[in-house]
C-alpha cells in the first residue's frame, strides 16, 4: 500500500481468486477501483451487482456500504484508491 505524506490518499493493489469477495464495508473518503485484470463484481447495499472489466474505473461515495470481488469463473486484480 502507498500513502502520500501531503494528502489523505492511499492506494493498494489486490488480487482475488474466482468467486472470492470482500465483506460489506465502507470508506470515509470514498473509494475508486481501477480494474487491472479479470472480471470484478461490485455491489452497493440495496443496489444491483455491477460487472467491471480491465480498464474500468468504479467510484463508491464516502460512507456507502459495498463489497467487491472476482466473478465466479475469473481471477481479478484491482488498484484501490
Protein backbone atom coordinates (compact mmCIF):
# COMPACT_ATOMS: atom_id res chain seq x y z
CA UNK A 1 0.00 0.00 0.00
CA UNK A 2 1.20 3.51 -0.75
CA UNK A 3 0.44 6.66 1.19
CA UNK A 4 1.15 10.28 0.28
CA UNK A 5 2.67 12.47 3.01
CA UNK A 6 0.83 15.52 1.70
CA UNK A 7 -2.70 14.11 1.36
CA UNK A 8 -5.05 11.55 2.85
CA UNK A 9 -4.87 9.40 -0.29
CA UNK A 10 -3.67 5.81 -0.14
CA UNK A 11 -3.61 3.01 -2.69
CA UNK A 12 -3.28 -0.76 -2.79
CA UNK A 13 -3.18 -3.47 -5.42
CA UNK A 14 -5.23 -6.54 -4.62
CA UNK A 15 -5.94 -9.86 -6.32
CA UNK A 16 -8.98 -12.10 -5.78
CA UNK A 17 -9.43 -15.77 -6.67
CA UNK A 18 -12.51 -16.75 -8.69
CA UNK A 19 -15.67 -16.30 -6.61
CA UNK A 20 -13.94 -14.57 -3.67
CA UNK A 21 -15.12 -11.19 -2.42
CA UNK A 22 -14.61 -8.73 0.43
CA UNK A 23 -17.22 -8.37 3.16
CA UNK A 24 -19.56 -5.38 3.28
CA UNK A 25 -17.52 -2.27 4.12
CA UNK A 26 -17.37 1.49 3.54
CA UNK A 27 -14.71 4.20 3.27
CA UNK A 28 -14.91 7.59 4.94
CA UNK A 29 -13.44 9.33 1.88
CA UNK A 30 -14.98 7.05 -0.74
CA UNK A 31 -13.10 4.57 -2.93
CA UNK A 32 -12.03 4.35 -6.55
CA UNK A 33 -11.36 0.91 -8.03
CA UNK A 34 -9.35 0.55 -11.24
CA UNK A 35 -9.77 -2.94 -12.67
CA UNK A 36 -6.45 -4.25 -13.98
CA UNK A 37 -7.20 -7.87 -14.88
CA UNK A 38 -10.11 -10.31 -14.90
CA UNK A 39 -13.75 -9.58 -14.14
CA UNK A 40 -14.81 -7.74 -10.98
CA UNK A 41 -18.21 -7.77 -9.31
CA UNK A 42 -19.15 -4.73 -7.20
CA UNK A 43 -22.36 -4.12 -5.28
CA UNK A 44 -23.53 -1.22 -3.13
CA UNK A 45 -26.01 -2.11 -0.40
CA UNK A 46 -29.52 -2.11 -1.89
CA UNK A 47 -28.22 -1.93 -5.47
CA UNK A 48 -27.60 -4.35 -8.29
CA UNK A 49 -24.33 -6.15 -8.96
CA UNK A 50 -22.05 -4.30 -11.38
CA UNK A 51 -19.64 -6.23 -13.61
CA UNK A 52 -16.38 -4.39 -14.35
CA UNK A 53 -13.59 -5.28 -16.79
CA UNK A 54 -9.93 -4.29 -17.25
CA UNK A 55 -9.66 -0.53 -17.72
CA UNK A 56 -12.97 0.19 -15.96
CA UNK A 57 -12.99 2.67 -13.08
CA UNK A 58 -15.67 2.38 -10.38
CA UNK A 59 -16.31 5.08 -7.73
CA UNK A 60 -18.02 4.38 -4.41
CA UNK A 61 -19.07 7.54 -2.49
CA UNK A 62 -17.98 8.22 1.11
CA UNK A 63 -19.79 6.07 3.67
CA UNK A 64 -21.58 3.87 1.09
CA UNK A 65 -21.51 0.21 2.12
CA UNK A 66 -20.35 -2.07 -0.66
CA UNK A 67 -18.41 -5.21 -1.49
CA UNK A 68 -16.18 -6.16 -4.42
CA UNK A 69 -14.57 -9.34 -5.62
CA UNK A 70 -13.97 -11.66 -8.55
CA UNK A 71 -16.57 -13.20 -10.84
CA UNK A 72 -17.17 -16.94 -10.20
CA UNK A 73 -15.01 -18.08 -13.11
CA UNK A 74 -12.33 -15.34 -13.26
CA UNK A 75 -9.43 -14.08 -11.17
CA UNK A 76 -9.50 -10.31 -10.65
CA UNK A 77 -6.83 -7.70 -9.91
CA UNK A 78 -7.65 -4.10 -9.00
CA UNK A 79 -5.95 -0.97 -7.74
CA UNK A 80 -7.89 0.72 -4.95
CA UNK A 81 -7.54 4.46 -4.25
